[in-house]
Structure formats: structure tokens, C-alpha cells
Protein backbone atom coordinates (compact mmCIF):
# COMPACT_ATOMS: atom_id res chain seq x y z
CA MET A 1 -34.29 -35.71 -60.28
CA GLU A 2 -34.36 -31.98 -59.80
CA ILE A 3 -36.14 -32.39 -56.47
CA ALA A 4 -33.41 -34.76 -55.27
CA ILE A 5 -30.73 -32.27 -56.20
CA ILE A 6 -32.57 -29.52 -54.37
CA VAL A 7 -32.92 -31.69 -51.26
CA LEU A 8 -29.25 -32.57 -51.42
CA VAL A 9 -28.25 -28.92 -51.67
CA ILE A 10 -30.51 -28.03 -48.74
CA ALA A 11 -29.02 -30.89 -46.71
CA ILE A 12 -25.50 -29.70 -47.46
CA ILE A 13 -26.44 -26.18 -46.40
CA PHE A 14 -27.97 -27.46 -43.19
CA VAL A 15 -24.91 -29.58 -42.39
CA SER A 16 -22.48 -26.75 -43.15
CA ARG A 17 -24.40 -24.37 -40.88
CA SER A 18 -24.96 -26.85 -38.07
CA VAL A 19 -21.59 -28.61 -37.86
CA LYS A 20 -18.51 -26.56 -36.92
CA VAL A 21 -14.96 -27.80 -36.31
CA VAL A 22 -12.92 -25.39 -34.20
CA PRO A 23 -9.09 -25.63 -34.52
CA GLN A 24 -6.80 -25.95 -31.51
CA GLN A 25 -5.98 -22.69 -29.67
CA HIS A 26 -9.02 -20.98 -31.16
CA ALA A 27 -12.32 -19.82 -29.66
CA TRP A 28 -15.46 -18.97 -31.62
CA VAL A 29 -18.25 -16.85 -30.16
CA ILE A 30 -21.81 -17.97 -31.02
CA GLU A 31 -24.79 -15.65 -31.16
CA ARG A 32 -28.37 -16.93 -31.16
CA LEU A 33 -30.80 -14.51 -32.72
CA GLY A 34 -28.30 -11.67 -32.26
CA LYS A 35 -27.55 -12.42 -28.59
CA TYR A 36 -24.47 -14.03 -27.09
CA HIS A 37 -25.15 -17.73 -26.66
CA GLY A 38 -21.80 -19.40 -25.94
CA THR A 39 -18.19 -20.03 -26.94
CA LEU A 40 -17.17 -22.99 -29.05
CA THR A 41 -14.11 -24.89 -27.83
CA PRO A 42 -11.63 -26.73 -30.11
CA GLY A 43 -13.13 -29.83 -31.73
CA LEU A 44 -16.50 -30.78 -33.27
CA ASN A 45 -19.46 -28.57 -32.37
CA PHE A 46 -23.13 -28.46 -33.45
CA LEU A 47 -25.29 -25.36 -34.04
CA VAL A 48 -28.94 -24.76 -34.79
CA PRO A 49 -29.06 -23.78 -38.46
CA PHE A 50 -30.31 -20.29 -39.32
CA ILE A 51 -30.67 -19.50 -35.60
CA ASP A 52 -27.08 -19.77 -34.34
CA ARG A 53 -24.20 -18.12 -36.10
CA VAL A 54 -20.46 -17.66 -35.53
CA ALA A 55 -20.11 -13.98 -34.67
CA TYR A 56 -16.40 -13.76 -33.71
CA LYS A 57 -13.34 -15.92 -34.09
CA HIS A 58 -10.37 -15.45 -31.75
CA VAL A 59 -6.87 -16.89 -31.68
CA LEU A 60 -5.78 -17.87 -28.17
CA LYS A 61 -2.06 -17.97 -28.98
CA GLU A 62 0.42 -15.36 -27.80
CA ILE A 63 0.34 -12.48 -30.28
CA PRO A 64 3.18 -9.96 -30.88
CA LEU A 65 2.06 -6.43 -31.62
CA ASP A 66 4.38 -3.72 -32.92
CA ILE A 67 3.89 -0.38 -31.18
CA ALA A 68 4.41 2.53 -33.54
CA SER A 69 7.38 4.82 -32.94
CA GLN A 70 6.58 8.00 -31.04
CA VAL A 71 8.29 11.01 -29.48
CA CYS A 72 8.45 11.02 -25.66
CA ILE A 73 9.59 13.88 -23.40
CA THR A 74 11.80 12.98 -20.43
CA LYS A 75 11.77 14.67 -17.04
CA ASP A 76 14.71 16.90 -18.08
CA ASN A 77 12.85 18.01 -21.24
CA THR A 78 14.71 15.84 -23.74
CA GLN A 79 12.95 14.30 -26.71
CA LEU A 80 13.28 10.58 -27.31
CA GLN A 81 12.11 8.57 -30.29
CA VAL A 82 10.78 5.33 -28.80
CA ASP A 83 9.30 2.21 -30.34
CA GLY A 84 8.56 -1.20 -28.89
CA ILE A 85 6.76 -4.50 -29.17
CA LEU A 86 3.91 -5.81 -27.03
CA TYR A 87 2.99 -9.47 -26.41
CA PHE A 88 -0.57 -10.29 -25.41
CA GLN A 89 -3.01 -13.20 -25.37
CA VAL A 90 -6.81 -13.47 -25.52
CA THR A 91 -8.01 -15.15 -22.35
CA ASP A 92 -11.77 -14.47 -22.52
CA ALA A 93 -13.36 -14.72 -25.97
CA MET A 94 -16.67 -13.20 -24.85
CA ARG A 95 -15.02 -10.06 -23.34
CA ALA A 96 -12.72 -9.77 -26.35
CA SER A 97 -15.80 -9.76 -28.57
CA TYR A 98 -17.99 -7.32 -26.68
CA GLY A 99 -15.62 -5.44 -24.34
CA SER A 100 -14.10 -3.31 -27.09
CA SER A 101 -14.85 -2.65 -30.72
CA ASN A 102 -11.18 -3.29 -31.52
CA TYR A 103 -9.05 -4.45 -28.63
CA ILE A 104 -5.84 -4.48 -30.72
CA ILE A 105 -6.09 -0.76 -31.47
CA ALA A 106 -7.07 -0.11 -27.85
CA ILE A 107 -4.02 -1.97 -26.54
CA SER A 108 -1.70 -0.21 -28.99
CA GLN A 109 -2.96 3.26 -28.06
CA LEU A 110 -2.85 2.49 -24.34
CA ALA A 111 0.73 1.21 -24.67
CA GLN A 112 1.80 4.47 -26.31
CA THR A 113 0.16 6.70 -23.70
CA SER A 114 1.50 4.57 -20.81
CA LEU A 115 5.01 4.68 -22.27
CA ARG A 116 4.91 8.48 -22.56
CA SER A 117 3.73 8.72 -18.96
CA VAL A 118 6.46 6.45 -17.61
CA ILE A 119 9.30 8.10 -19.55
CA GLY A 120 8.06 11.55 -18.52
CA LYS A 121 8.90 10.63 -14.90
CA LEU A 122 12.53 9.72 -15.69
CA GLU A 123 15.60 11.69 -16.67
CA LEU A 124 17.44 10.92 -19.91
CA ASP A 125 20.21 8.84 -18.35
CA LYS A 126 17.72 6.78 -16.35
CA THR A 127 15.76 5.83 -19.46
CA PHE A 128 18.78 3.97 -20.80
CA GLU A 129 19.63 2.36 -17.44
CA GLU A 130 16.12 1.31 -16.34
CA ARG A 131 14.56 -0.31 -19.39
CA ASP A 132 13.33 -3.26 -17.33
CA ILE A 133 11.52 -0.92 -14.94
CA ILE A 134 9.94 0.96 -17.86
CA ASN A 135 8.78 -2.29 -19.45
CA ALA A 136 7.28 -3.54 -16.18
CA GLN A 137 5.40 -0.29 -15.53
CA VAL A 138 3.95 -0.23 -19.05
CA VAL A 139 2.75 -3.84 -18.70
CA ALA A 140 1.14 -3.08 -15.33
CA ALA A 141 -0.69 -0.04 -16.71
CA ILE A 142 -2.01 -1.85 -19.81
CA ASP A 143 -2.88 -5.10 -18.06
CA GLU A 144 -5.19 -3.39 -15.59
CA ALA A 145 -7.30 -1.88 -18.38
CA ALA A 146 -7.08 -4.91 -20.68
CA LEU A 147 -8.93 -7.14 -18.19
CA ASN A 148 -12.22 -5.67 -19.44
CA TRP A 149 -11.25 -6.63 -22.97
CA GLY A 150 -10.56 -10.29 -22.18
CA VAL A 151 -6.88 -9.80 -22.95
CA LYS A 152 -3.81 -10.59 -20.85
CA VAL A 153 -0.72 -8.45 -21.53
CA LEU A 154 2.32 -10.69 -21.08
CA ARG A 155 5.27 -8.35 -21.60
CA TYR A 156 6.44 -5.19 -23.32
CA GLU A 157 9.91 -4.61 -24.74
CA ILE A 158 11.45 -1.33 -25.85
CA LYS A 159 13.17 -1.95 -29.17
CA ASP A 160 14.93 1.37 -29.62
CA LEU A 161 15.54 4.64 -27.77
CA THR A 162 16.84 7.36 -30.08
CA PRO A 163 17.69 10.80 -28.66
CA PRO A 164 18.33 13.82 -30.93
CA LYS A 165 21.66 14.11 -32.75
CA GLU A 166 22.85 16.92 -30.47
CA ILE A 167 22.25 14.75 -27.42
CA LEU A 168 24.03 11.85 -29.09
CA HIS A 169 27.10 14.00 -29.76
CA ALA A 170 27.07 15.27 -26.17
CA MET A 171 26.76 11.73 -24.82
CA GLN A 172 29.62 10.57 -27.04
CA ALA A 173 31.80 13.43 -25.79
CA GLN A 174 30.91 12.54 -22.20
CA ILE A 175 31.79 8.89 -22.79
CA THR A 176 35.13 9.92 -24.34
CA ALA A 177 35.89 12.17 -21.37
CA GLU A 178 35.02 9.40 -18.92
CA ARG A 179 37.31 6.97 -20.72
CA GLU A 180 40.18 9.48 -20.73
CA LYS A 181 39.58 10.11 -17.03
CA ARG A 182 39.69 6.38 -16.28
CA ALA A 183 42.90 6.07 -18.32
CA LEU A 184 44.54 8.90 -16.35
CA ILE A 185 43.41 7.39 -13.06
CA ALA A 186 44.75 3.99 -14.08
CA ALA A 187 48.13 5.52 -15.08
CA SER A 188 48.39 7.44 -11.79
CA GLU A 189 47.47 4.32 -9.83
CA GLY A 190 50.21 2.46 -11.70
CA ARG A 191 52.81 5.12 -10.82
CA ARG A 192 51.63 5.16 -7.23
CA GLN A 193 51.92 1.39 -6.98
CA GLU A 194 55.37 1.55 -8.56
CA GLN A 195 56.54 4.09 -5.97
CA ILE A 196 55.07 1.99 -3.19
CA ASN A 197 56.90 -1.09 -4.48
CA ILE A 198 60.20 0.81 -4.71
CA ALA A 199 59.82 2.22 -1.19
CA THR A 200 58.89 -1.21 0.14
CA GLY A 201 61.93 -2.76 -1.52
CA GLU A 202 64.26 -0.10 -0.14
CA ARG A 203 62.80 -0.49 3.34
CA GLU A 204 63.20 -4.26 3.23
CA ALA A 205 66.78 -3.90 1.94
CA PHE A 206 67.60 -1.44 4.75
CA ILE A 207 66.09 -3.80 7.32
CA ALA A 208 68.10 -6.69 5.89
CA ARG A 209 71.33 -4.65 6.04
CA SER A 210 70.65 -3.52 9.60
CA GLU A 211 69.85 -7.08 10.61
CA GLY A 212 73.16 -8.20 9.09
CA GLU A 213 75.09 -5.45 10.86
CA LYS A 214 73.34 -6.31 14.10
CA GLN A 215 74.21 -9.98 13.75
CA ALA A 216 77.82 -9.08 12.90
CA ALA A 217 78.07 -6.88 16.02
CA ILE A 218 76.58 -9.67 18.14
CA ASN A 219 79.04 -12.17 16.70
CA SER A 220 81.98 -9.76 17.30
CA ALA A 221 80.88 -9.12 20.91
CA GLN A 222 80.47 -12.83 21.51
CA GLY A 223 83.96 -13.41 20.09
CA GLU A 224 85.51 -10.73 22.32
CA ALA A 225 83.66 -12.12 25.35
CA ALA A 226 84.90 -15.61 24.55
CA SER A 227 88.46 -14.26 24.14
CA ILE A 228 88.34 -12.40 27.49
CA THR A 229 86.91 -15.47 29.16
CA ALA A 230 89.67 -17.64 27.71
CA VAL A 231 92.40 -15.17 28.87
CA ALA A 232 90.85 -14.96 32.34
CA GLU A 233 90.65 -18.75 32.58
CA ALA A 234 94.25 -19.08 31.45
CA THR A 235 95.38 -16.45 33.99
CA ALA A 236 93.43 -18.16 36.76
CA ASN A 237 94.97 -21.51 35.83
CA ALA A 238 98.42 -19.95 35.88
CA ILE A 239 97.82 -18.38 39.30
CA GLU A 240 96.52 -21.67 40.65
CA ARG A 241 99.58 -23.46 39.38
CA ILE A 242 101.92 -20.82 40.92
CA ALA A 243 100.08 -21.08 44.22
CA ALA A 244 100.35 -24.85 44.10
CA ALA A 245 104.08 -24.59 43.30
CA ILE A 246 104.63 -22.25 46.28
CA ARG A 247 103.10 -24.81 48.60
CA GLN A 248 105.66 -27.36 47.48
CA PRO A 249 108.95 -27.73 49.44
CA GLY A 250 111.38 -25.01 48.35
CA GLY A 251 108.57 -23.01 46.71
CA GLU A 252 109.13 -19.88 48.79
CA GLN A 253 112.88 -19.86 48.01
CA ALA A 254 112.01 -20.11 44.31
CA VAL A 255 109.67 -17.15 44.60
CA GLN A 256 112.35 -15.11 46.41
CA LEU A 257 114.80 -15.94 43.69
CA LYS A 258 112.29 -14.96 40.98
CA VAL A 259 111.47 -11.66 42.66
CA ALA A 260 115.17 -10.91 43.05
CA GLU A 261 115.75 -11.66 39.37
CA ARG A 262 112.92 -9.36 38.38
CA ALA A 263 114.30 -6.57 40.57
CA VAL A 264 117.77 -6.97 39.09
CA ASP A 265 116.32 -6.97 35.55
CA ALA A 266 114.35 -3.83 36.32
CA TYR A 267 117.47 -2.02 37.62
CA ALA A 268 119.36 -3.20 34.55
CA LYS A 269 116.77 -1.81 32.15
CA VAL A 270 116.68 1.49 33.95
CA ALA A 271 120.46 1.69 33.97
CA ALA A 272 120.63 0.92 30.26
CA ASP A 273 118.53 3.98 29.47
CA ALA A 274 120.92 6.93 29.03
CA THR A 275 118.21 9.50 29.61
CA THR A 276 117.25 8.11 32.98
CA THR A 277 118.94 9.03 36.22
CA LEU A 278 119.28 5.99 38.48
CA ILE A 279 119.48 6.38 42.23
CA ILE A 280 120.80 3.27 43.92
CA PRO A 281 119.99 2.79 47.59
CA GLY A 282 122.96 3.19 49.82
CA ASN A 283 121.96 0.23 51.82
CA MET A 284 121.30 -2.83 49.67
CA SER A 285 119.46 -4.39 52.59
CA GLU A 286 116.48 -2.42 51.38
CA VAL A 287 116.29 -4.76 48.39
CA SER A 288 116.14 -7.74 50.69
CA GLY A 289 113.44 -5.90 52.69
CA LEU A 290 111.51 -5.47 49.45
CA ILE A 291 111.78 -9.18 48.80
CA ALA A 292 110.66 -9.98 52.34
CA THR A 293 107.65 -7.74 51.96
CA ALA A 294 106.70 -9.50 48.73
CA MET A 295 107.02 -12.89 50.45
CA LYS A 296 104.76 -11.75 53.27
CA MET A 297 102.15 -10.79 50.70
CA VAL A 298 102.45 -14.19 49.10
CA GLN A 299 102.07 -15.91 52.48
CA SER A 300 99.02 -13.79 53.37
CA SER A 301 97.39 -14.71 50.03
CA LYS A 302 97.91 -18.34 50.90
């Protein structure tokens, strides 16, 4: 009975040392007699008992790694307290096992030195504006060295940038001054736009008034021209009618009578004026000569 128990225990030990089940997203490194033999993939695997052993176990998932806070000096000699977080993944279990005694510490230290180097090339203001560039340069510097460790650096993120209190107060004062400057510029732009609007309105009103005055002058001139034209047409019609009447039988006698009446009326008006001295021709035949002359003019116009 005791022998059976001993055999059973030995069998269990053999099975436990020969059968290995590797979880998903894991990689186990096997050594045979102290030398690298192979890497076990996820699933059921078999080993040679007492000859093969699992030397290293690696997780192939993406791993976040906090980078300790450190003081960095910028290009303009300003101290910054910087901390961040690094994301990496084991891609080669054999290199991760034998490339470095502790690849996590190696990555962390390299991230700190790379960050100090990158920030030392930038001025203080640029460190706040160019975080993406800083992150990319740190990743590039670490990833090149981490290839020998079987590790792929995926990304690096700066969590916090903390300048000294004096710098913070100065930056706050600068921000306040910039905001006051923008407020003054906005107020002046508002006044300028207001003056432009007023000037534009006055100009448009003046143009409208001048256009109205111009149209009124045009309308007045057109009215006067129409009035003159109407008077001229009426006068021409009257002259045509007089000329037509003269051509009628007895027309010349009527004209002579009209001219004589006008002459008599003219002498009467002159005589009625007490302040006027009237000289009457001694020979009244001159009046008839005047009438004859007028009739000759009428006949010549015909």
C-alpha cells in the first residue's frame, strides 16, 4: 500500500512538471539544463521532467508604467517638475528574459533621461505648447533602445508640468495682462466700428439728400422747358392764325385798322401821363405813312 502511494506521488510530480498550461496573452521561457530551449505559447504544453524548467513568465498585454516625478531644466534655465506614464508591451519573450536583468527599471530610467534631454532643448512656453512633440520624441528615444530588450514602447504621456511658484505667479500676471490688452483692443475696435457706421450713415444720408435735390432741379427744369415750349407753340399758333386771317379777303384792311387803333391807344396813354411831354406831328400823314410801312412789312413776311 505504501509503495502504491509512493508511485502515485511520483506520478503526480512527473505530470505536474511535464504538463504546462499557458494562459492567453502570456509567454513562458523554457530552459533545458540551464540553457534557453524555447518559448511556450498559450495552451497545453509538455516538458521533459527534471530537465526542462520554466525560467521566465511574461505578460504580452499592454502594460502602463508610472514614471517617477523629476526636475527638468528648460533651455531658458527654468526648473520644471515633470511626471508621466509610459505604455509598453513585451514582443519577444526571449529578449525580455536575457536582454536585460530588469527591463522595467531600464525603461523607466531611460524614459526619465530622455525626457530631461528633450525638455532641455525647449523654452518654458514651448514645453506647455508642444506636449505631443515631447511625447513623440521620448517614445522614439526609448523604443530604439528597447528593441534589444524585446519590448515595444507604444506611447508616453506627460501627466503634469509644474513650474516653480514664482514662475506661476509671473505667468498668471502675463495672462491677466494679455486679457486686459484684448479687452482694450476689443473696446477700441467697437468704437472704431461705431464711428465708421456713423460716418457711413451720414454719407448715405447726404447722398440721398443730394439725389433728391438733383431730381427736384431736374423736375423744375423739365417743367420750365415744358412751359416755354407750350408758350412758344401757342405763340406760333397765334401767328399762323393771324397770317391766315390776313390772307382772307379784307384781311389787310383789318390789320391797318388794328395798327391804327394801337397807335391811337399809344398816343392816348402818353397824353394821359402828366409828366410826359407829347409832341404831335404837324402832318398827320406821317401816321398813315407809319401804317403803310407796317403793311409793307406784313406783305413781305407773307
